Structures are given as C-alpha cells and as structure tokens.
Amino acid sequence: MGCDQCCYEREIENKLVDGAVIGCFPNLYEGLASNMPDQVITL
C-alpha cells in the first residue's frame, strides 16, 4: 500500500508494483485488524 498523499505528491500513483493500492494508515490498520503482522517495515 502506498500512502495516498505521498504517491500523489511524488506523481508515482501509476508506477506502483502490480497489486499495490493507494490508501492511508487507517485503511491499512483496518485491513490488517483480523490478522495483524508481527512486523511492518516502511521506507
């Protein structure tokens, strides 16, 4: 998942890897709520 604000500011919304979606952290946490990972790595 790419941060919506970052993707649009950097104009990379069409350059993400296949299957990646654009959203924000509340969307991420909601999507992971039923199966939280052990570790999240951000760049």
PDB file of N, CA and C in Angstrom:
ATOM      1  N   MET A   1       0.842  -1.170   0.000  1.00  0.00           N
ATOM      2  CA  MET A   1       0.000   0.000   0.000  1.00  0.00           C
ATOM      3  C   MET A   1       0.886   1.232   0.000  1.00  0.00           C
ATOM      4  N   GLY A   2       0.569   2.140  -0.905  1.00  0.00           N
ATOM      5  CA  GLY A   2       1.284   3.406  -0.949  1.00  0.00           C
ATOM      6  C   GLY A   2       0.473   4.486  -0.255  1.00  0.00           C
ATOM      7  N   CYS A   3       1.135   5.341   0.481  1.00  0.00           N
ATOM      8  CA  CYS A   3       0.467   6.469   1.140  1.00  0.00           C
ATOM      9  C   CYS A   3      -0.140   7.370   0.074  1.00  0.00           C
ATOM     10  N   ASP A   4      -1.408   7.671   0.202  1.00  0.00           N
ATOM     11  CA  ASP A   4      -2.078   8.465  -0.822  1.00  0.00           C
ATOM     12  C   ASP A   4      -1.420   9.830  -1.022  1.00  0.00           C
ATOM     13  N   GLN A   5      -1.147  10.519   0.052  1.00  0.00           N
ATOM     14  CA  GLN A   5      -0.555  11.845  -0.049  1.00  0.00           C
ATOM     15  C   GLN A   5       0.823  11.794  -0.701  1.00  0.00           C
ATOM     16  N   CYS A   6       1.648  10.849  -0.304  1.00  0.00           N
ATOM     17  CA  CYS A   6       2.999  10.718  -0.859  1.00  0.00           C
ATOM     18  C   CYS A   6       2.972  10.349  -2.340  1.00  0.00           C
ATOM     19  N   CYS A   7       2.111   9.410  -2.691  1.00  0.00           N
ATOM     20  CA  CYS A   7       2.045   8.961  -4.085  1.00  0.00           C
ATOM     21  C   CYS A   7       1.645  10.097  -5.020  1.00  0.00           C
ATOM     22  N   TYR A   8       0.663  10.878  -4.615  1.00  0.00           N
ATOM     23  CA  TYR A   8       0.210  11.981  -5.464  1.00  0.00           C
ATOM     24  C   TYR A   8       1.219  13.117  -5.508  1.00  0.00           C
ATOM     25  N   GLU A   9       1.872  13.419  -4.381  1.00  0.00           N
ATOM     26  CA  GLU A   9       2.886  14.477  -4.366  1.00  0.00           C
ATOM     27  C   GLU A   9       4.078  14.107  -5.241  1.00  0.00           C
ATOM     28  N   ARG A  10       4.459  12.842  -5.221  1.00  0.00           N
ATOM     29  CA  ARG A  10       5.633  12.390  -5.986  1.00  0.00           C
ATOM     30  C   ARG A  10       5.272  11.930  -7.397  1.00  0.00           C
ATOM     31  N   GLU A  11       3.960  11.954  -7.685  1.00  0.00           N
ATOM     32  CA  GLU A  11       3.454  11.553  -9.005  1.00  0.00           C
ATOM     33  C   GLU A  11       3.877  10.131  -9.366  1.00  0.00           C
ATOM     34  N   ILE A  12       3.753   9.214  -8.402  1.00  0.00           N
ATOM     35  CA  ILE A  12       4.106   7.818  -8.657  1.00  0.00           C
ATOM     36  C   ILE A  12       2.892   6.900  -8.555  1.00  0.00           C
ATOM     37  N   GLU A  13       1.696   7.478  -8.526  1.00  0.00           N
ATOM     38  CA  GLU A  13       0.494   6.667  -8.346  1.00  0.00           C
ATOM     39  C   GLU A  13       0.308   5.615  -9.442  1.00  0.00           C
ATOM     40  N   ASN A  14       0.856   5.823 -10.612  1.00  0.00           N
ATOM     41  CA  ASN A  14       0.744   4.849 -11.700  1.00  0.00           C
ATOM     42  C   ASN A  14       1.996   3.997 -11.857  1.00  0.00           C
ATOM     43  N   LYS A  15       2.933   4.112 -10.932  1.00  0.00           N
ATOM     44  CA  LYS A  15       4.203   3.404 -11.040  1.00  0.00           C
ATOM     45  C   LYS A  15       4.411   2.389  -9.922  1.00  0.00           C
ATOM     46  N   LEU A  16       3.366   2.063  -9.177  1.00  0.00           N
ATOM     47  CA  LEU A  16       3.486   1.098  -8.088  1.00  0.00           C
ATOM     48  C   LEU A  16       3.529  -0.321  -8.641  1.00  0.00           C
ATOM     49  N   VAL A  17       4.028  -1.247  -7.861  1.00  0.00           N
ATOM     50  CA  VAL A  17       4.079  -2.643  -8.295  1.00  0.00           C
ATOM     51  C   VAL A  17       2.669  -3.194  -8.467  1.00  0.00           C
ATOM     52  N   ASP A  18       2.532  -4.215  -9.284  1.00  0.00           N
ATOM     53  CA  ASP A  18       1.235  -4.839  -9.518  1.00  0.00           C
ATOM     54  C   ASP A  18       0.595  -5.274  -8.204  1.00  0.00           C
ATOM     55  N   GLY A  19      -0.652  -4.969  -8.039  1.00  0.00           N
ATOM     56  CA  GLY A  19      -1.389  -5.360  -6.846  1.00  0.00           C
ATOM     57  C   GLY A  19      -1.349  -4.338  -5.723  1.00  0.00           C
ATOM     58  N   ALA A  20      -0.456  -3.346  -5.811  1.00  0.00           N
ATOM     59  CA  ALA A  20      -0.379  -2.323  -4.760  1.00  0.00           C
ATOM     60  C   ALA A  20      -1.560  -1.368  -4.890  1.00  0.00           C
ATOM     61  N   VAL A  21      -2.039  -0.913  -3.768  1.00  0.00           N
ATOM     62  CA  VAL A  21      -3.139   0.045  -3.741  1.00  0.00           C
ATOM     63  C   VAL A  21      -2.684   1.306  -3.037  1.00  0.00           C
ATOM     64  N   ILE A  22      -3.426   2.374  -3.243  1.00  0.00           N
ATOM     65  CA  ILE A  22      -3.136   3.649  -2.604  1.00  0.00           C
ATOM     66  C   ILE A  22      -4.137   3.858  -1.480  1.00  0.00           C
ATOM     67  N   GLY A  23      -3.651   4.232  -0.317  1.00  0.00           N
ATOM     68  CA  GLY A  23      -4.529   4.467   0.826  1.00  0.00           C
ATOM     69  C   GLY A  23      -3.774   5.206   1.912  1.00  0.00           C
ATOM     70  N   CYS A  24      -4.285   5.111   3.126  1.00  0.00           N
ATOM     71  CA  CYS A  24      -3.607   5.739   4.257  1.00  0.00           C
ATOM     72  C   CYS A  24      -3.597   4.763   5.422  1.00  0.00           C
ATOM     73  N   PHE A  25      -2.878   5.091   6.487  1.00  0.00           N
ATOM     74  CA  PHE A  25      -2.703   4.145   7.581  1.00  0.00           C
ATOM     75  C   PHE A  25      -4.002   3.664   8.211  1.00  0.00           C
ATOM     76  N   PRO A  26      -5.026   4.499   8.374  1.00  0.00           N
ATOM     77  CA  PRO A  26      -6.283   3.935   8.904  1.00  0.00           C
ATOM     78  C   PRO A  26      -6.821   2.798   8.031  1.00  0.00           C
ATOM     79  N   ASN A  27      -6.689   2.897   6.712  1.00  0.00           N
ATOM     80  CA  ASN A  27      -7.112   1.822   5.815  1.00  0.00           C
ATOM     81  C   ASN A  27      -6.264   0.576   6.028  1.00  0.00           C
ATOM     82  N   LEU A  28      -4.978   0.771   6.224  1.00  0.00           N
ATOM     83  CA  LEU A  28      -4.065  -0.347   6.447  1.00  0.00           C
ATOM     84  C   LEU A  28      -4.416  -1.077   7.731  1.00  0.00           C
ATOM     85  N   TYR A  29      -4.580  -0.335   8.816  1.00  0.00           N
ATOM     86  CA  TYR A  29      -4.884  -0.964  10.099  1.00  0.00           C
ATOM     87  C   TYR A  29      -6.227  -1.679  10.065  1.00  0.00           C
ATOM     88  N   GLU A  30      -7.187  -1.109   9.388  1.00  0.00           N
ATOM     89  CA  GLU A  30      -8.495  -1.765   9.257  1.00  0.00           C
ATOM     90  C   GLU A  30      -8.363  -3.063   8.473  1.00  0.00           C
ATOM     91  N   GLY A  31      -7.585  -3.036   7.387  1.00  0.00           N
ATOM     92  CA  GLY A  31      -7.389  -4.232   6.581  1.00  0.00           C
ATOM     93  C   GLY A  31      -6.644  -5.337   7.305  1.00  0.00           C
ATOM     94  N   LEU A  32      -5.775  -4.962   8.239  1.00  0.00           N
ATOM     95  CA  LEU A  32      -4.980  -5.945   8.979  1.00  0.00           C
ATOM     96  C   LEU A  32      -5.602  -6.349  10.309  1.00  0.00           C
ATOM     97  N   ALA A  33      -6.692  -5.738  10.675  1.00  0.00           N
ATOM     98  CA  ALA A  33      -7.268  -5.928  12.014  1.00  0.00           C
ATOM     99  C   ALA A  33      -7.505  -7.398  12.367  1.00  0.00           C
ATOM    100  N   SER A  34      -7.917  -8.196  11.406  1.00  0.00           N
ATOM    101  CA  SER A  34      -8.224  -9.593  11.711  1.00  0.00           C
ATOM    102  C   SER A  34      -6.984 -10.486  11.731  1.00  0.00           C
ATOM    103  N   ASN A  35      -5.851  -9.981  11.222  1.00  0.00           N
ATOM    104  CA  ASN A  35      -4.627 -10.787  11.180  1.00  0.00           C
ATOM    105  C   ASN A  35      -3.416  -9.855  11.215  1.00  0.00           C
ATOM    106  N   MET A  36      -3.141  -9.281  12.371  1.00  0.00           N
ATOM    107  CA  MET A  36      -2.044  -8.321  12.492  1.00  0.00           C
ATOM    108  C   MET A  36      -0.700  -9.007  12.263  1.00  0.00           C
ATOM    109  N   PRO A  37       0.185  -8.363  11.490  1.00  0.00           N
ATOM    110  CA  PRO A  37       1.509  -8.927  11.243  1.00  0.00           C
ATOM    111  C   PRO A  37       2.402  -8.754  12.474  1.00  0.00           C
ATOM    112  N   ASP A  38       3.504  -9.512  12.508  1.00  0.00           N
ATOM    113  CA  ASP A  38       4.470  -9.374  13.584  1.00  0.00           C
ATOM    114  C   ASP A  38       5.314  -8.125  13.421  1.00  0.00           C
ATOM    115  N   GLN A  39       5.500  -7.704  12.175  1.00  0.00           N
ATOM    116  CA  GLN A  39       6.382  -6.562  11.915  1.00  0.00           C
ATOM    117  C   GLN A  39       5.914  -5.848  10.659  1.00  0.00           C
ATOM    118  N   VAL A  40       5.981  -4.525  10.673  1.00  0.00           N
ATOM    119  CA  VAL A  40       5.675  -3.707   9.494  1.00  0.00           C
ATOM    120  C   VAL A  40       6.911  -2.905   9.180  1.00  0.00           C
ATOM    121  N   ILE A  41       7.360  -2.960   7.937  1.00  0.00           N
ATOM    122  CA  ILE A  41       8.555  -2.235   7.526  1.00  0.00           C
ATOM    123  C   ILE A  41       8.129  -1.129   6.569  1.00  0.00           C
ATOM    124  N   THR A  42       8.536   0.087   6.865  1.00  0.00           N
ATOM    125  CA  THR A  42       8.236   1.212   5.978  1.00  0.00           C
ATOM    126  C   THR A  42       9.533   1.809   5.482  1.00  0.00           C
ATOM    127  N   LEU A  43       9.474   2.382   4.319  1.00  0.00           N
ATOM    128  CA  LEU A  43      10.666   3.009   3.747  1.00  0.00           C
ATOM    129  C   LEU A  43      10.437   4.483   3.608  1.00  0.00           C
TER     130      LEU A  43
END
